[in-house]
Every structure is written in structure tokens, then in C-alpha cells.
Amino acid sequence: MADVQPDPGPDPDDEVVEAELLDDPPSPGATPDADDVSVESLVADLERVTGERDQFRDAYQRTAADFDNYRKQAQRRVDDEVARATGGVVERLLPVLDACDGALAHGATEVEPIVAALLGALEKEGLVRVDPTGEVFDPTIAEAVVHEPGDGGEHIVSEVMRAGYTWQGRVLRPAMVKVTD
């Protein structure tokens, strides 16, 4: 059988603690550590939290700006790649235009509507035919393959032997020209 001890009754020390609590009751809403918290520490905590918030906001703004720049750069790369690929297709069509020019030079007028339609469609997309006849020679858009003696002034393009083309401002193929010195 278990030993059952009789209840000794109330502890006289507990009564003293209860009496002390009843003499000085805590103020409503106060915590036992309220005396330790001061206005200065609250202001310091507020400043710390405000500083952290500002740091997080700045980091967010930088990240958002970086992402926006990345998105724009990626779109530019895609646009450049599309323009380069389309320019490649147009560049592969240049021999067809050259053949049509040759046919026209030999009097085959039947190809005129085809050349006009093809050039019209390509020009709407950004193809420009380079024909510098009578202009000062510009090596960025023309390639001089024949030189003739002239007045001794500026180099003037006297004849275009093969047309040149630019695509959206970029030279696809320089014109082959005869230059007079």
C-alpha cells in the first residue's frame, strides 16, 4: 500500500507573497518588464526597423530595375536575331535580283513585273538598293573594282556594275562600281 501523507495545510510563506501582491497591484496593461523598456529604446528599435525597411525597399527597387534592364536587353537580342535572320533570307535572294537585272539588261522585259513586285515587297521590310552613280565614292557602301583616269579631283562613281543593298541600315552587299579618279 502506498503511503498517504496528510495535507499539511496552507504554507505560511504563501500568505506573505499574496499579501505583498495585494498591497502593490500592477497597473493595467503593464508587463513585468515595462520598467525596463524606455522611450529611448523604443525610438532606437523604431529607427532600426525603419532602416531595415529602407534597405529592403532599396534592394527590391534595384532588383526590379535589374530585371527590367534584363527584359529590355533580352528583347533587343531577340529583335537583333530576327533582323539578322531576316537579313540572311534577303541576302540569299540577292542572286535572284541580280539574275533579273541581267535579264532586263539583255532586253527581257517580261521579268519587269516580277522584279518590281519582289523589290517592292522587300523594300517595305527595309531593303534599299544602293546605286551611287554620279556620287562621290563611299567605300562603306561600294566596292571599286575598276579605276579610270579622270580630272584628278574626287573619286566619282561612273558606273554601277552590280547593285548593292542595305537591309534596315546595315550593308548586306556593297555595290560593285567603276570609279573615275
N, C-alpha and C. Protein backbone atom coordinates (compact mmCIF):
# COMPACT_ATOMS: atom_id res chain seq x y z
N MET A 1 0.81 -1.16 0.00
CA MET A 1 0.00 0.00 0.00
C MET A 1 0.86 1.24 0.00
N ALA A 2 0.36 2.26 -0.60
CA ALA A 2 1.13 3.49 -0.72
C ALA A 2 0.96 4.33 0.52
N ASP A 3 2.04 5.01 0.83
CA ASP A 3 1.98 5.91 1.98
C ASP A 3 1.25 7.17 1.57
N VAL A 4 0.22 7.46 2.27
CA VAL A 4 -0.50 8.70 2.03
C VAL A 4 -0.15 9.63 3.17
N GLN A 5 0.35 10.81 2.78
CA GLN A 5 0.72 11.77 3.80
C GLN A 5 -0.41 12.76 3.97
N PRO A 6 -0.62 13.16 5.16
CA PRO A 6 -1.69 14.13 5.39
C PRO A 6 -1.29 15.49 4.85
N ASP A 7 -2.29 16.26 4.39
CA ASP A 7 -2.07 17.60 3.85
C ASP A 7 -1.66 18.52 4.99
N PRO A 8 -0.47 19.16 4.87
CA PRO A 8 0.00 19.97 5.98
C PRO A 8 -0.77 21.27 6.12
N GLY A 9 -1.58 21.63 5.14
CA GLY A 9 -2.32 22.88 5.23
C GLY A 9 -1.60 23.98 4.49
N PRO A 10 -2.11 25.15 4.59
CA PRO A 10 -1.50 26.26 3.84
C PRO A 10 -0.12 26.61 4.38
N ASP A 11 0.76 26.96 3.42
CA ASP A 11 2.12 27.34 3.74
C ASP A 11 2.10 28.80 4.19
N PRO A 12 2.66 29.11 5.37
CA PRO A 12 2.63 30.49 5.84
C PRO A 12 3.42 31.43 4.92
N ASP A 13 4.43 30.91 4.17
CA ASP A 13 5.18 31.78 3.25
C ASP A 13 4.31 32.22 2.08
N ASP A 14 3.39 31.35 1.61
CA ASP A 14 2.49 31.71 0.50
C ASP A 14 1.60 32.87 0.89
N GLU A 15 1.19 32.92 2.12
CA GLU A 15 0.32 34.00 2.56
C GLU A 15 1.05 35.33 2.53
N VAL A 16 2.33 35.34 2.82
CA VAL A 16 3.12 36.57 2.80
C VAL A 16 3.23 37.09 1.36
N VAL A 17 3.48 36.20 0.39
CA VAL A 17 3.61 36.61 -1.02
C VAL A 17 2.29 37.18 -1.50
N GLU A 18 1.14 36.54 -1.13
CA GLU A 18 -0.16 37.04 -1.55
C GLU A 18 -0.41 38.42 -0.96
N ALA A 19 -0.01 38.64 0.27
CA ALA A 19 -0.23 39.92 0.91
C ALA A 19 0.58 41.01 0.21
N GLU A 20 1.80 40.71 -0.20
CA GLU A 20 2.63 41.70 -0.89
C GLU A 20 2.02 42.07 -2.24
N LEU A 21 1.48 41.09 -2.95
CA LEU A 21 0.86 41.36 -4.25
C LEU A 21 -0.40 42.20 -4.10
N LEU A 22 -1.15 41.97 -3.04
CA LEU A 22 -2.36 42.74 -2.84
C LEU A 22 -2.05 44.17 -2.43
N ASP A 23 -0.96 44.41 -1.77
CA ASP A 23 -0.59 45.76 -1.36
C ASP A 23 -0.18 46.62 -2.55
N ASP A 24 0.51 46.05 -3.58
CA ASP A 24 1.00 46.83 -4.73
C ASP A 24 0.55 46.16 -6.02
N PRO A 25 -0.71 46.31 -6.42
CA PRO A 25 -1.17 45.65 -7.64
C PRO A 25 -0.53 46.29 -8.88
N PRO A 26 -0.24 45.51 -9.93
CA PRO A 26 0.36 46.08 -11.15
C PRO A 26 -0.65 46.95 -11.88
N SER A 27 -0.14 47.94 -12.62
CA SER A 27 -1.03 48.82 -13.39
C SER A 27 -1.60 48.03 -14.57
N PRO A 28 -2.82 48.39 -14.99
CA PRO A 28 -3.45 47.64 -16.09
C PRO A 28 -2.63 47.77 -17.37
N GLY A 29 -2.48 46.67 -18.13
CA GLY A 29 -1.76 46.66 -19.41
C GLY A 29 -0.26 46.64 -19.27
N ALA A 30 0.25 46.68 -18.08
CA ALA A 30 1.70 46.71 -17.88
C ALA A 30 2.22 45.30 -17.79
N THR A 31 3.40 45.13 -18.29
CA THR A 31 4.06 43.83 -18.20
C THR A 31 5.09 43.93 -17.10
N PRO A 32 5.52 42.81 -16.59
CA PRO A 32 6.53 42.88 -15.52
C PRO A 32 7.81 43.55 -16.00
N ASP A 33 8.13 43.55 -17.35
CA ASP A 33 9.36 44.17 -17.85
C ASP A 33 9.13 45.61 -18.30
N ALA A 34 7.97 46.17 -18.08
CA ALA A 34 7.65 47.51 -18.56
C ALA A 34 8.60 48.54 -17.99
N ASP A 35 9.11 48.33 -16.80
CA ASP A 35 10.03 49.29 -16.22
C ASP A 35 11.37 49.28 -16.97
N ASP A 36 11.71 48.12 -17.57
CA ASP A 36 12.97 48.02 -18.29
C ASP A 36 12.91 48.71 -19.66
N VAL A 37 11.72 48.85 -20.26
CA VAL A 37 11.55 49.45 -21.58
C VAL A 37 11.46 50.95 -21.42
N SER A 38 12.33 51.66 -22.16
CA SER A 38 12.31 53.12 -22.09
C SER A 38 11.95 53.70 -23.44
N VAL A 39 11.66 54.95 -23.45
CA VAL A 39 11.33 55.65 -24.70
C VAL A 39 12.53 55.61 -25.65
N GLU A 40 13.72 55.77 -25.11
CA GLU A 40 14.92 55.77 -25.94
C GLU A 40 15.09 54.42 -26.64
N SER A 41 14.83 53.34 -25.92
CA SER A 41 15.00 52.03 -26.55
C SER A 41 13.92 51.80 -27.61
N LEU A 42 12.70 52.32 -27.36
CA LEU A 42 11.64 52.21 -28.37
C LEU A 42 11.99 53.00 -29.62
N VAL A 43 12.52 54.20 -29.45
CA VAL A 43 12.94 55.02 -30.60
C VAL A 43 14.07 54.33 -31.34
N ALA A 44 15.00 53.75 -30.61
CA ALA A 44 16.12 53.05 -31.25
C ALA A 44 15.61 51.85 -32.05
N ASP A 45 14.66 51.10 -31.47
CA ASP A 45 14.08 49.97 -32.20
C ASP A 45 13.34 50.44 -33.45
N LEU A 46 12.60 51.53 -33.33
CA LEU A 46 11.87 52.08 -34.48
C LEU A 46 12.85 52.50 -35.59
N GLU A 47 13.93 53.15 -35.21
CA GLU A 47 14.93 53.57 -36.19
C GLU A 47 15.58 52.35 -36.85
N ARG A 48 15.85 51.32 -36.07
CA ARG A 48 16.45 50.11 -36.62
C ARG A 48 15.50 49.45 -37.62
N VAL A 49 14.24 49.34 -37.25
CA VAL A 49 13.26 48.70 -38.13
C VAL A 49 13.05 49.55 -39.39
N THR A 50 13.02 50.86 -39.23
CA THR A 50 12.87 51.76 -40.38
C THR A 50 14.07 51.62 -41.32
N GLY A 51 15.26 51.52 -40.75
CA GLY A 51 16.47 51.33 -41.56
C GLY A 51 16.43 50.02 -42.33
N GLU A 52 15.98 48.96 -41.65
CA GLU A 52 15.87 47.66 -42.33
C GLU A 52 14.85 47.73 -43.47
N ARG A 53 13.73 48.40 -43.18
CA ARG A 53 12.71 48.56 -44.22
C ARG A 53 13.27 49.30 -45.44
N ASP A 54 14.02 50.36 -45.19
CA ASP A 54 14.62 51.12 -46.28
C ASP A 54 15.61 50.27 -47.07
N GLN A 55 16.38 49.45 -46.36
CA GLN A 55 17.33 48.57 -47.05
C GLN A 55 16.59 47.57 -47.93
N PHE A 56 15.54 46.97 -47.39
CA PHE A 56 14.76 46.01 -48.19
C PHE A 56 14.10 46.68 -49.38
N ARG A 57 13.58 47.90 -49.19
CA ARG A 57 12.96 48.63 -50.30
C ARG A 57 14.00 48.95 -51.37
N ASP A 58 15.18 49.41 -50.95
CA ASP A 58 16.24 49.70 -51.92
C ASP A 58 16.66 48.45 -52.68
N ALA A 59 16.78 47.34 -51.96
CA ALA A 59 17.15 46.07 -52.61
C ALA A 59 16.07 45.66 -53.61
N TYR A 60 14.82 45.83 -53.23
CA TYR A 60 13.72 45.50 -54.14
C TYR A 60 13.76 46.38 -55.38
N GLN A 61 13.96 47.68 -55.19
CA GLN A 61 14.00 48.60 -56.33
C GLN A 61 15.16 48.28 -57.26
N ARG A 62 16.32 47.95 -56.68
CA ARG A 62 17.47 47.58 -57.52
C ARG A 62 17.18 46.30 -58.30
N THR A 63 16.59 45.34 -57.62
CA THR A 63 16.26 44.07 -58.28
C THR A 63 15.23 44.29 -59.38
N ALA A 64 14.24 45.11 -59.11
CA ALA A 64 13.22 45.39 -60.12
C ALA A 64 13.84 46.11 -61.32
N ALA A 65 14.73 47.05 -61.08
CA ALA A 65 15.40 47.76 -62.17
C ALA A 65 16.30 46.81 -62.95
N ASP A 66 17.03 45.94 -62.24
CA ASP A 66 17.89 44.97 -62.92
C ASP A 66 17.05 44.04 -63.80
N PHE A 67 15.92 43.59 -63.28
CA PHE A 67 15.06 42.71 -64.07
C PHE A 67 14.49 43.43 -65.28
N ASP A 68 14.11 44.69 -65.11
CA ASP A 68 13.58 45.47 -66.23
C ASP A 68 14.66 45.65 -67.29
N ASN A 69 15.90 45.94 -66.87
CA ASN A 69 17.01 46.07 -67.82
C ASN A 69 17.27 44.74 -68.52
N TYR A 70 17.22 43.66 -67.78
CA TYR A 70 17.42 42.33 -68.38
C TYR A 70 16.34 42.04 -69.41
N ARG A 71 15.09 42.36 -69.08
CA ARG A 71 13.99 42.11 -70.00
C ARG A 71 14.17 42.92 -71.29
N LYS A 72 14.55 44.19 -71.15
CA LYS A 72 14.78 45.03 -72.33
C LYS A 72 15.95 44.50 -73.16
N GLN A 73 17.02 44.10 -72.48
CA GLN A 73 18.19 43.58 -73.19
C GLN A 73 17.84 42.28 -73.91
N ALA A 74 17.08 41.43 -73.28
CA ALA A 74 16.67 40.18 -73.92
C ALA A 74 15.79 40.46 -75.14
N GLN A 75 14.91 41.44 -75.04
CA GLN A 75 14.06 41.80 -76.18
C GLN A 75 14.90 42.36 -77.32
N ARG A 76 15.90 43.18 -76.99
CA ARG A 76 16.80 43.71 -78.04
C ARG A 76 17.54 42.58 -78.73
N ARG A 77 18.02 41.60 -77.94
CA ARG A 77 18.72 40.46 -78.52
C ARG A 77 17.81 39.68 -79.46
N VAL A 78 16.57 39.47 -79.04
CA VAL A 78 15.62 38.75 -79.89
C VAL A 78 15.35 39.55 -81.16
N ASP A 79 15.14 40.86 -81.03
CA ASP A 79 14.90 41.70 -82.21
C ASP A 79 16.09 41.68 -83.15
N ASP A 80 17.31 41.77 -82.59
CA ASP A 80 18.52 41.72 -83.42
C ASP A 80 18.64 40.38 -84.14
N GLU A 81 18.35 39.31 -83.43
CA GLU A 81 18.44 37.98 -84.04
C GLU A 81 17.41 37.82 -85.16
N VAL A 82 16.21 38.32 -84.96
CA VAL A 82 15.18 38.26 -86.00
C VAL A 82 15.62 39.08 -87.21
N ALA A 83 16.15 40.28 -86.97
CA ALA A 83 16.61 41.12 -88.08
C ALA A 83 17.77 40.44 -88.82
N ARG A 84 18.68 39.82 -88.08
CA ARG A 84 19.82 39.14 -88.71
C ARG A 84 19.34 37.94 -89.53
N ALA A 85 18.39 37.19 -89.00
CA ALA A 85 17.87 36.02 -89.72
C ALA A 85 17.11 36.46 -90.97
N THR A 86 16.31 37.49 -90.84
CA THR A 86 15.57 38.00 -91.99
C THR A 86 16.54 38.58 -93.02
N GLY A 87 17.57 39.25 -92.55
CA GLY A 87 18.61 39.77 -93.46
C GLY A 87 19.29 38.63 -94.21
N GLY A 88 19.48 37.50 -93.54
CA GLY A 88 20.09 36.33 -94.20
C GLY A 88 19.21 35.80 -95.31
N VAL A 89 17.90 35.77 -95.08
CA VAL A 89 16.97 35.33 -96.13
C VAL A 89 17.01 36.29 -97.31
N VAL A 90 17.01 37.57 -97.01
CA VAL A 90 17.06 38.57 -98.07
C VAL A 90 18.38 38.47 -98.82
N GLU A 91 19.45 38.24 -98.11
CA GLU A 91 20.77 38.11 -98.74
C GLU A 91 20.80 36.93 -99.71
N ARG A 92 20.09 35.86 -99.36
CA ARG A 92 20.03 34.70 -100.27
C ARG A 92 19.16 34.99 -101.49
N LEU A 93 18.33 36.03 -101.42
CA LEU A 93 17.51 36.42 -102.58
C LEU A 93 18.25 37.37 -103.53
N LEU A 94 19.38 37.92 -103.11
CA LEU A 94 20.10 38.88 -103.95
C LEU A 94 20.54 38.29 -105.30
N PRO A 95 21.00 37.04 -105.37
CA PRO A 95 21.33 36.48 -106.69
C PRO A 95 20.11 36.42 -107.63
N VAL A 96 18.92 36.24 -107.06
CA VAL A 96 17.70 36.26 -107.89
C VAL A 96 17.49 37.65 -108.46
N LEU A 97 17.69 38.67 -107.64
CA LEU A 97 17.57 40.04 -108.13
C LEU A 97 18.64 40.34 -109.18
N ASP A 98 19.86 39.83 -108.96
CA ASP A 98 20.93 40.02 -109.95
C ASP A 98 20.57 39.36 -111.28
N ALA A 99 20.00 38.15 -111.22
CA ALA A 99 19.59 37.46 -112.45
C ALA A 99 18.50 38.24 -113.17
N CYS A 100 17.59 38.81 -112.41
CA CYS A 100 16.54 39.63 -113.01
C CYS A 100 17.13 40.88 -113.65
N ASP A 101 18.11 41.50 -112.97
CA ASP A 101 18.78 42.68 -113.54
C ASP A 101 19.50 42.31 -114.84
N GLY A 102 20.14 41.13 -114.85
CA GLY A 102 20.81 40.67 -116.07
C GLY A 102 19.82 40.42 -117.19
N ALA A 103 18.70 39.84 -116.86
CA ALA A 103 17.66 39.60 -117.88
C ALA A 103 17.15 40.91 -118.43
N LEU A 104 16.93 41.89 -117.57
CA LEU A 104 16.48 43.20 -118.03
C LEU A 104 17.53 43.88 -118.91
N ALA A 105 18.81 43.71 -118.56
CA ALA A 105 19.89 44.30 -119.35
C ALA A 105 19.96 43.68 -120.75
N HIS A 106 19.50 42.43 -120.90
CA HIS A 106 19.50 41.76 -122.20
C HIS A 106 18.17 41.92 -122.93
N GLY A 107 17.28 42.77 -122.42
CA GLY A 107 16.04 43.08 -123.12
C GLY A 107 14.85 42.20 -122.77
N ALA A 108 14.94 41.37 -121.76
CA ALA A 108 13.82 40.51 -121.38
C ALA A 108 12.88 41.31 -120.47
N THR A 109 11.96 42.03 -121.07
CA THR A 109 11.04 42.90 -120.32
C THR A 109 9.97 42.11 -119.56
N GLU A 110 9.87 40.82 -119.84
CA GLU A 110 8.85 40.00 -119.16
C GLU A 110 9.11 39.88 -117.66
N VAL A 111 10.35 40.03 -117.24
CA VAL A 111 10.68 39.89 -115.82
C VAL A 111 10.47 41.19 -115.04
N GLU A 112 10.17 42.27 -115.75
CA GLU A 112 9.99 43.56 -115.08
C GLU A 112 8.94 43.52 -113.97
N PRO A 113 7.73 42.96 -114.21
CA PRO A 113 6.74 42.93 -113.12
C PRO A 113 7.19 42.08 -111.92
N ILE A 114 7.94 41.02 -112.20
CA ILE A 114 8.42 40.16 -111.11
C ILE A 114 9.44 40.90 -110.26
N VAL A 115 10.37 41.58 -110.93
CA VAL A 115 11.39 42.35 -110.20
C VAL A 115 10.73 43.46 -109.40
N ALA A 116 9.78 44.14 -110.02
CA ALA A 116 9.11 45.25 -109.32
C ALA A 116 8.36 44.72 -108.09
N ALA A 117 7.67 43.60 -108.22
CA ALA A 117 6.92 43.03 -107.09
C ALA A 117 7.87 42.58 -105.98
N LEU A 118 8.95 41.89 -106.35
CA LEU A 118 9.90 41.40 -105.36
C LEU A 118 10.59 42.56 -104.63
N LEU A 119 11.07 43.54 -105.41
CA LEU A 119 11.72 44.70 -104.78
C LEU A 119 10.74 45.49 -103.93
N GLY A 120 9.52 45.63 -104.41
CA GLY A 120 8.50 46.37 -103.63
C GLY A 120 8.24 45.71 -102.29
N ALA A 121 8.10 44.40 -102.30
CA ALA A 121 7.84 43.68 -101.05
C ALA A 121 9.03 43.78 -100.09
N LEU A 122 10.24 43.64 -100.64
CA LEU A 122 11.43 43.69 -99.78
C LEU A 122 11.71 45.11 -99.29
N GLU A 123 11.41 46.10 -100.12
CA GLU A 123 11.63 47.49 -99.71
C GLU A 123 10.71 47.88 -98.57
N LYS A 124 9.50 47.33 -98.54
CA LYS A 124 8.58 47.61 -97.43
C LYS A 124 9.14 47.09 -96.11
N GLU A 125 9.95 46.06 -96.18
CA GLU A 125 10.53 45.47 -94.97
C GLU A 125 11.89 46.06 -94.59
N GLY A 126 12.47 46.91 -95.46
CA GLY A 126 13.71 47.57 -95.10
C GLY A 126 14.86 47.41 -96.07
N LEU A 127 14.64 46.79 -97.23
CA LEU A 127 15.71 46.65 -98.22
C LEU A 127 15.82 47.95 -99.02
N VAL A 128 17.05 48.41 -99.21
CA VAL A 128 17.30 49.61 -100.01
C VAL A 128 18.37 49.27 -101.03
N ARG A 129 18.06 49.58 -102.29
CA ARG A 129 19.01 49.34 -103.36
C ARG A 129 20.01 50.49 -103.38
N VAL A 130 21.30 50.16 -103.44
CA VAL A 130 22.36 51.18 -103.44
C VAL A 130 22.81 51.37 -104.89
N ASP A 131 22.61 52.60 -105.37
CA ASP A 131 23.02 52.96 -106.73
C ASP A 131 23.72 54.32 -106.67
N PRO A 132 25.04 54.30 -106.42
CA PRO A 132 25.76 55.56 -106.21
C PRO A 132 26.28 56.22 -107.50
N THR A 133 25.68 55.94 -108.65
CA THR A 133 26.15 56.51 -109.91
C THR A 133 26.15 58.04 -109.84
N GLY A 134 27.30 58.64 -110.20
CA GLY A 134 27.45 60.08 -110.20
C GLY A 134 27.79 60.68 -108.85
N GLU A 135 27.85 59.87 -107.81
CA GLU A 135 28.16 60.36 -106.47
C GLU A 135 29.64 60.15 -106.15
N VAL A 136 30.09 60.82 -105.11
CA VAL A 136 31.45 60.62 -104.62
C VAL A 136 31.55 59.20 -104.09
N PHE A 137 32.66 58.52 -104.39
CA PHE A 137 32.86 57.13 -103.98
C PHE A 137 32.87 57.02 -102.46
N ASP A 138 32.05 56.13 -101.94
CA ASP A 138 31.98 55.86 -100.49
C ASP A 138 32.29 54.39 -100.28
N PRO A 139 33.47 54.08 -99.72
CA PRO A 139 33.85 52.67 -99.57
C PRO A 139 32.99 51.87 -98.58
N THR A 140 32.15 52.54 -97.81
CA THR A 140 31.29 51.80 -96.88
C THR A 140 30.08 51.19 -97.59
N ILE A 141 29.71 51.72 -98.77
CA ILE A 141 28.55 51.18 -99.48
C ILE A 141 28.90 50.66 -100.87
N ALA A 142 30.13 50.89 -101.32
CA ALA A 142 30.51 50.45 -102.66
C ALA A 142 31.93 49.91 -102.65
N GLU A 143 32.18 49.01 -103.61
CA GLU A 143 33.50 48.41 -103.77
C GLU A 143 33.98 48.77 -105.17
N ALA A 144 35.09 49.49 -105.26
CA ALA A 144 35.62 49.91 -106.56
C ALA A 144 36.40 48.74 -107.17
N VAL A 145 35.94 48.26 -108.33
CA VAL A 145 36.61 47.15 -108.99
C VAL A 145 37.33 47.60 -110.26
N VAL A 146 36.97 48.79 -110.78
CA VAL A 146 37.62 49.35 -111.97
C VAL A 146 37.90 50.83 -111.69
N HIS A 147 39.12 51.26 -112.04
CA HIS A 147 39.50 52.66 -111.90
C HIS A 147 39.79 53.22 -113.28
N GLU A 148 39.26 54.41 -113.57
CA GLU A 148 39.53 55.11 -114.82
C GLU A 148 40.19 56.44 -114.50
N PRO A 149 41.08 56.89 -115.37
CA PRO A 149 41.66 58.22 -115.15
C PRO A 149 40.59 59.28 -115.41
N GLY A 150 40.67 60.37 -114.66
CA GLY A 150 39.69 61.44 -114.81
C GLY A 150 40.36 62.78 -114.68
N ASP A 151 39.63 63.73 -114.13
CA ASP A 151 40.10 65.10 -113.97
C ASP A 151 41.13 65.24 -112.85
N GLY A 152 41.29 64.26 -112.06
CA GLY A 152 42.23 64.33 -110.95
C GLY A 152 41.60 64.84 -109.68
N GLY A 153 40.29 65.05 -109.65
CA GLY A 153 39.59 65.53 -108.44
C GLY A 153 39.19 64.35 -107.56
N GLU A 154 38.01 64.46 -107.02
CA GLU A 154 37.49 63.41 -106.16
C GLU A 154 37.17 62.16 -106.98
N HIS A 155 37.13 61.05 -106.30
CA HIS A 155 36.75 59.79 -106.93
C HIS A 155 35.24 59.78 -107.09
N ILE A 156 34.78 59.69 -108.33
CA ILE A 156 33.35 59.71 -108.64
C ILE A 156 32.97 58.35 -109.22
N VAL A 157 31.82 57.83 -108.80
CA VAL A 157 31.32 56.57 -109.32
C VAL A 157 30.75 56.84 -110.72
N SER A 158 31.36 56.20 -111.74
CA SER A 158 30.90 56.43 -113.10
C SER A 158 29.90 55.37 -113.57
N GLU A 159 29.99 54.18 -113.00
CA GLU A 159 29.08 53.11 -113.42
C GLU A 159 28.94 52.09 -112.29
N VAL A 160 27.71 51.57 -112.15
CA VAL A 160 27.45 50.51 -111.19
C VAL A 160 27.42 49.20 -111.96
N MET A 161 28.33 48.31 -111.62
CA MET A 161 28.43 47.03 -112.33
C MET A 161 27.54 45.96 -111.69
N ARG A 162 27.35 46.05 -110.40
CA ARG A 162 26.43 45.16 -109.69
C ARG A 162 25.83 45.97 -108.56
N ALA A 163 24.51 45.95 -108.45
CA ALA A 163 23.83 46.75 -107.43
C ALA A 163 24.20 46.27 -106.03
N GLY A 164 24.22 47.21 -105.13
CA GLY A 164 24.43 46.91 -103.73
C GLY A 164 23.12 47.07 -102.98
N TYR A 165 23.07 46.52 -101.78
CA TYR A 165 21.83 46.57 -101.00
C TYR A 165 22.15 46.78 -99.53
N THR A 166 21.27 47.52 -98.87
CA THR A 166 21.32 47.64 -97.42
C THR A 166 20.01 47.08 -96.87
N TRP A 167 20.09 46.53 -95.68
CA TRP A 167 18.91 45.97 -95.02
C TRP A 167 18.78 46.60 -93.66
N GLN A 168 17.75 47.42 -93.49
CA GLN A 168 17.48 48.12 -92.24
C GLN A 168 18.72 48.86 -91.73
N GLY A 169 19.38 49.57 -92.66
CA GLY A 169 20.53 50.39 -92.31
C GLY A 169 21.86 49.67 -92.29
N ARG A 170 21.88 48.36 -92.47
CA ARG A 170 23.13 47.57 -92.46
C ARG A 170 23.43 47.13 -93.89
N VAL A 171 24.66 47.30 -94.33
CA VAL A 171 25.05 46.92 -95.69
C VAL A 171 25.04 45.40 -95.80
N LEU A 172 24.15 44.89 -96.68
CA LEU A 172 24.14 43.45 -96.97
C LEU A 172 25.22 43.11 -97.97
N ARG A 173 25.28 43.94 -99.00
CA ARG A 173 26.29 43.72 -100.04
C ARG A 173 26.64 45.07 -100.64
N PRO A 174 27.93 45.40 -100.69
CA PRO A 174 28.31 46.68 -101.31
C PRO A 174 28.15 46.61 -102.83
N ALA A 175 27.90 47.75 -103.42
CA ALA A 175 27.78 47.81 -104.87
C ALA A 175 29.17 47.67 -105.50
N MET A 176 29.24 46.97 -106.63
CA MET A 176 30.50 46.90 -107.39
C MET A 176 30.46 48.02 -108.41
N VAL A 177 31.47 48.92 -108.36
CA VAL A 177 31.40 50.12 -109.18
C VAL A 177 32.70 50.38 -109.95
N LYS A 178 32.55 51.21 -110.99
CA LYS A 178 33.70 51.75 -111.73
C LYS A 178 33.86 53.17 -111.25
N VAL A 179 35.11 53.54 -110.87
CA VAL A 179 35.39 54.85 -110.30
C VAL A 179 36.29 55.64 -111.23
N THR A 180 35.94 56.92 -111.39
CA THR A 180 36.78 57.84 -112.16
C THR A 180 37.58 58.66 -111.18
N ASP A 181 38.94 58.66 -111.37
CA ASP A 181 39.82 59.42 -110.46
C ASP A 181 39.84 60.88 -110.81
